[in-house]
């Protein structure tokens, strides 16, 4: 249960990082008047936390181990983890260098 508590603590850091990266990306691209930060939310499920941005799923976080997944659909994460919120970067290694998007598998 201790690992699940660590995941819960780091989930807030991950969500705030996604918000910050989203705002930086939108400002850099010239969309500052289209930012809808209130449309970003974090919803908790039994196994995964889901981050939504403007009606789209940004990512899933496994509440048991902290793995970050790209969305395969609205309800299902992709099969392979892109990062982990328990790492030193708090999941930032899963985000591409251009903004706030989750890396595609290569």
Protein backbone atom coordinates (compact mmCIF):
# COMPACT_ATOMS: atom_id res chain seq x y z
CA UNK A 1 0.00 0.00 0.00
CA UNK A 2 3.00 2.30 0.55
CA UNK A 3 3.81 2.28 -3.19
CA UNK A 4 0.23 3.31 -3.97
CA UNK A 5 0.60 6.24 -1.51
CA UNK A 6 3.82 7.34 -3.27
CA UNK A 7 1.99 7.22 -6.60
CA UNK A 8 -0.82 9.36 -5.18
CA UNK A 9 1.68 11.95 -3.91
CA UNK A 10 3.55 12.12 -7.22
CA UNK A 11 0.36 12.21 -9.29
CA UNK A 12 -0.21 15.84 -8.29
CA UNK A 13 3.32 16.75 -9.44
CA UNK A 14 2.72 14.99 -12.76
CA UNK A 15 -0.64 16.72 -13.30
CA UNK A 16 0.83 20.16 -12.49
CA UNK A 17 3.73 19.48 -14.88
CA UNK A 18 1.25 18.59 -17.66
CA UNK A 19 -0.65 21.83 -17.00
CA UNK A 20 2.56 23.89 -17.07
CA UNK A 21 3.80 22.23 -20.28
CA UNK A 22 0.36 22.68 -21.89
CA UNK A 23 0.35 26.42 -21.09
CA UNK A 24 3.91 26.85 -22.36
CA UNK A 25 3.06 25.00 -25.57
CA UNK A 26 -0.13 26.97 -26.23
CA UNK A 27 1.64 30.29 -25.60
CA UNK A 28 4.59 29.33 -27.81
CA UNK A 29 2.25 28.33 -30.65
CA UNK A 30 0.29 31.60 -30.39
CA UNK A 31 -2.90 30.09 -28.96
CA UNK A 32 -2.92 31.99 -25.68
CA UNK A 33 -6.52 33.16 -26.26
CA UNK A 34 -7.67 29.53 -26.73
CA UNK A 35 -6.33 28.16 -23.46
CA UNK A 36 -8.99 26.48 -21.40
CA UNK A 37 -7.14 25.39 -18.28
CA UNK A 38 -10.47 24.72 -16.55
CA UNK A 39 -11.05 21.95 -19.11
CA UNK A 40 -8.09 20.00 -17.70
CA UNK A 41 -8.99 17.45 -15.08
CA UNK A 42 -7.72 14.41 -13.29
CA UNK A 43 -10.21 11.60 -12.71
CA UNK A 44 -9.50 8.63 -10.51
CA UNK A 45 -10.54 5.09 -11.35
CA UNK A 46 -9.90 1.81 -9.56
CA UNK A 47 -6.69 1.03 -11.42
CA UNK A 48 -5.83 4.18 -13.41
CA UNK A 49 -5.91 7.93 -13.04
CA UNK A 50 -6.92 9.64 -16.29
CA UNK A 51 -5.84 13.12 -17.37
CA UNK A 52 -8.24 14.89 -19.74
CA UNK A 53 -7.53 18.04 -21.70
CA UNK A 54 -10.42 19.73 -23.55
CA UNK A 55 -12.39 16.52 -23.95
CA UNK A 56 -9.44 14.34 -24.98
CA UNK A 57 -7.51 11.86 -22.89
CA UNK A 58 -3.92 12.98 -22.43
CA UNK A 59 -2.62 10.02 -20.46
CA UNK A 60 -3.32 7.31 -17.93
CA UNK A 61 -1.29 6.67 -14.78
CA UNK A 62 -1.31 3.22 -13.20
CA UNK A 63 -2.13 3.74 -9.53
CA UNK A 64 -0.35 0.53 -8.51
CA UNK A 65 3.12 1.31 -9.92
CA UNK A 66 3.12 4.87 -11.34
CA UNK A 67 3.57 3.92 -15.01
CA UNK A 68 2.44 6.56 -17.52
CA UNK A 69 0.53 5.35 -20.57
CA UNK A 70 -0.61 7.02 -23.75
CA UNK A 71 -4.34 6.60 -24.35
CA UNK A 72 -5.45 3.83 -26.73
CA UNK A 73 -9.05 5.04 -26.42
CA UNK A 74 -11.22 7.10 -24.08
CA UNK A 75 -11.36 4.26 -21.53
CA UNK A 76 -8.24 2.17 -22.21
CA UNK A 77 -4.51 2.94 -21.93
CA UNK A 78 -2.01 1.75 -24.54
CA UNK A 79 -0.14 -1.48 -23.81
CA UNK A 80 3.33 -0.09 -23.16
CA UNK A 81 4.37 2.40 -20.48
CA UNK A 82 6.04 5.61 -21.69
CA UNK A 83 7.44 6.67 -18.32
CA UNK A 84 6.88 6.55 -14.57
CA UNK A 85 5.84 9.26 -12.13
CA UNK A 86 8.04 7.74 -9.42
CA UNK A 87 11.19 8.42 -11.46
CA UNK A 88 13.49 11.36 -10.76
CA UNK A 89 11.73 13.33 -13.54
CA UNK A 90 8.23 12.58 -12.14
CA UNK A 91 7.04 11.27 -15.51
CA UNK A 92 8.45 14.11 -17.58
CA UNK A 93 10.50 11.58 -19.58
CA UNK A 94 7.20 10.45 -21.14
CA UNK A 95 6.57 13.91 -22.63
CA UNK A 96 8.05 14.97 -25.94
CA UNK A 97 10.44 17.93 -26.08
CA UNK A 98 8.08 20.07 -28.18
CA UNK A 99 5.28 20.41 -25.67
CA UNK A 100 3.03 18.26 -23.60
CA UNK A 101 2.32 15.27 -25.85
CA UNK A 102 3.10 11.70 -24.79
CA UNK A 103 5.86 9.99 -26.80
CA UNK A 104 4.87 7.48 -29.44
CA UNK A 105 6.65 4.14 -29.28
CA UNK A 106 9.48 3.85 -31.76
